C-alpha atoms as a PDB file:
ATOM      1  CA  MET A   1       6.318   4.849   2.591  1.00  0.00           C
ATOM      2  CA  PRO A   2       9.125   2.638   1.361  1.00  0.00           C
ATOM      3  CA  SER A   3      10.272   3.047  -2.210  1.00  0.00           C
ATOM      4  CA  ILE A   4      10.550   0.304  -4.764  1.00  0.00           C
ATOM      5  CA  THR A   5      13.939  -0.239  -6.371  1.00  0.00           C
ATOM      6  CA  PHE A   6      13.856   0.056 -10.132  1.00  0.00           C
ATOM      7  CA  ASP A   7      16.773  -0.804 -12.402  1.00  0.00           C
ATOM      8  CA  THR A   8      16.326   1.672 -15.249  1.00  0.00           C
ATOM      9  CA  HIS A   9      19.385   0.407 -17.113  1.00  0.00           C
ATOM     10  CA  LYS A  10      18.024  -3.149 -17.242  1.00  0.00           C
ATOM     11  CA  PHE A  11      14.572  -1.857 -18.188  1.00  0.00           C
ATOM     12  CA  ILE A  12      15.963   0.246 -21.045  1.00  0.00           C
ATOM     13  CA  ARG A  13      18.134  -2.651 -22.234  1.00  0.00           C
ATOM     14  CA  ARG A  14      15.096  -4.950 -22.410  1.00  0.00           C
ATOM     15  CA  LEU A  15      13.133  -2.365 -24.342  1.00  0.00           C
ATOM     16  CA  ARG A  16      16.057  -1.935 -26.756  1.00  0.00           C
ATOM     17  CA  GLU A  17      16.227  -5.714 -27.240  1.00  0.00           C
ATOM     18  CA  ALA A  18      12.525  -5.639 -28.099  1.00  0.00           C
ATOM     19  CA  GLY A  19      13.218  -3.179 -30.904  1.00  0.00           C
ATOM     20  CA  ILE A  20      12.365   0.147 -29.272  1.00  0.00           C
ATOM     21  CA  SER A  21      14.653   3.090 -29.990  1.00  0.00           C
ATOM     22  CA  GLU A  22      17.039   4.356 -27.308  1.00  0.00           C
ATOM     23  CA  GLU A  23      15.181   7.665 -27.000  1.00  0.00           C
ATOM     24  CA  GLN A  24      11.782   5.994 -26.632  1.00  0.00           C
ATOM     25  CA  ALA A  25      13.139   3.427 -24.176  1.00  0.00           C
ATOM     26  CA  GLU A  26      14.603   6.169 -21.985  1.00  0.00           C
ATOM     27  CA  ALA A  27      11.327   8.123 -22.051  1.00  0.00           C
ATOM     28  CA  ILE A  28       9.325   5.027 -21.131  1.00  0.00           C
ATOM     29  CA  ALA A  29      11.732   4.160 -18.316  1.00  0.00           C
ATOM     30  CA  GLU A  30      11.560   7.692 -16.905  1.00  0.00           C
ATOM     31  CA  ALA A  31       7.750   7.724 -17.049  1.00  0.00           C
ATOM     32  CA  PHE A  32       7.609   4.324 -15.368  1.00  0.00           C
ATOM     33  CA  ARG A  33      10.042   5.437 -12.652  1.00  0.00           C
ATOM     34  CA  GLU A  34       8.004   8.582 -11.950  1.00  0.00           C
ATOM     35  CA  ALA A  35       4.767   6.590 -11.798  1.00  0.00           C
ATOM     36  CA  ASN A  36       6.312   4.220  -9.261  1.00  0.00           C
ATOM     37  CA  LEU A  37       7.499   7.140  -7.133  1.00  0.00           C
ATOM     38  CA  GLU A  38       3.997   8.595  -7.049  1.00  0.00           C
ATOM     39  CA  ALA A  39       2.265   5.303  -6.302  1.00  0.00           C
ATOM     40  CA  GLU A  40       1.241   4.636  -2.732  1.00  0.00           C
ATOM     41  CA  ILE A  41       1.932   0.947  -2.361  1.00  0.00           C
ATOM     42  CA  ALA A  42       0.972  -0.829   0.842  1.00  0.00           C
ATOM     43  CA  THR A  43       3.669  -3.101   2.224  1.00  0.00           C
ATOM     44  CA  LYS A  44       3.157  -6.158   4.412  1.00  0.00           C
ATOM     45  CA  THR A  45       4.165  -4.031   7.400  1.00  0.00           C
ATOM     46  CA  ASP A  46       1.561  -1.402   6.489  1.00  0.00           C
ATOM     47  CA  LEU A  47      -1.120  -4.088   6.275  1.00  0.00           C
ATOM     48  CA  ARG A  48      -0.048  -5.652   9.572  1.00  0.00           C
ATOM     49  CA  GLU A  49      -0.214  -2.270  11.339  1.00  0.00           C
ATOM     50  CA  LEU A  50      -3.652  -1.650   9.849  1.00  0.00           C
ATOM     51  CA  GLU A  51      -4.799  -5.057  11.063  1.00  0.00           C
ATOM     52  CA  TYR A  52      -3.642  -4.262  14.616  1.00  0.00           C
ATOM     53  CA  ARG A  53      -5.445  -0.910  14.591  1.00  0.00           C
ATOM     54  CA  LEU A  54      -8.636  -2.551  13.334  1.00  0.00           C
ATOM     55  CA  ILE A  55      -8.437  -5.243  16.022  1.00  0.00           C
ATOM     56  CA  ILE A  56      -8.053  -2.599  18.727  1.00  0.00           C
ATOM     57  CA  LYS A  57     -10.971  -0.556  17.370  1.00  0.00           C
ATOM     58  CA  LEU A  58     -13.189  -3.622  17.057  1.00  0.00           C
ATOM     59  CA  GLY A  59     -12.302  -4.715  20.591  1.00  0.00           C
ATOM     60  CA  THR A  60     -13.135  -1.252  21.901  1.00  0.00           C
ATOM     61  CA  MET A  61     -16.500  -1.291  20.133  1.00  0.00           C
ATOM     62  CA  ILE A  62     -17.314  -4.716  21.603  1.00  0.00           C
ATOM     63  CA  VAL A  63     -16.454  -3.551  25.135  1.00  0.00           C
ATOM     64  CA  VAL A  64     -18.599  -0.428  24.707  1.00  0.00           C
ATOM     65  CA  ALA A  65     -21.483  -2.478  23.294  1.00  0.00           C
ATOM     66  CA  ILE A  66     -21.308  -4.889  26.244  1.00  0.00           C
ATOM     67  CA  GLY A  67     -21.339  -1.908  28.611  1.00  0.00           C
ATOM     68  CA  VAL A  68     -24.385  -0.417  26.888  1.00  0.00           C
ATOM     69  CA  VAL A  69     -26.241  -3.743  26.969  1.00  0.00           C
ATOM     70  CA  ALA A  70     -25.373  -4.267  30.655  1.00  0.00           C
ATOM     71  CA  THR A  71     -26.626  -0.765  31.481  1.00  0.00           C
ATOM     72  CA  LEU A  72     -29.857  -1.337  29.560  1.00  0.00           C
ATOM     73  CA  VAL A  73     -30.426  -4.675  31.315  1.00  0.00           C
ATOM     74  CA  LYS A  74     -30.040  -2.995  34.720  1.00  0.00           C
ATOM     75  CA  LEU A  75     -32.433  -0.191  33.775  1.00  0.00           C
ATOM     76  CA  LEU A  76     -35.120  -2.487  32.409  1.00  0.00           C
END
């Protein structure tokens, strides 16, 4: 899974500008960075690959269903 780039220096600087202490800003930035590392985020490529797999599975199910119906028609 690809990682998301995160500029901790910029993040801490913005928190400092908002009035948060240096220590708190660093703790928040570290917690945010760790949360992003643990998150499983789907990318466009992941979604595209999933779409292809679903199309293949759906196509296979349709072919099997047509085969079952054709067999039933012949038997009846």
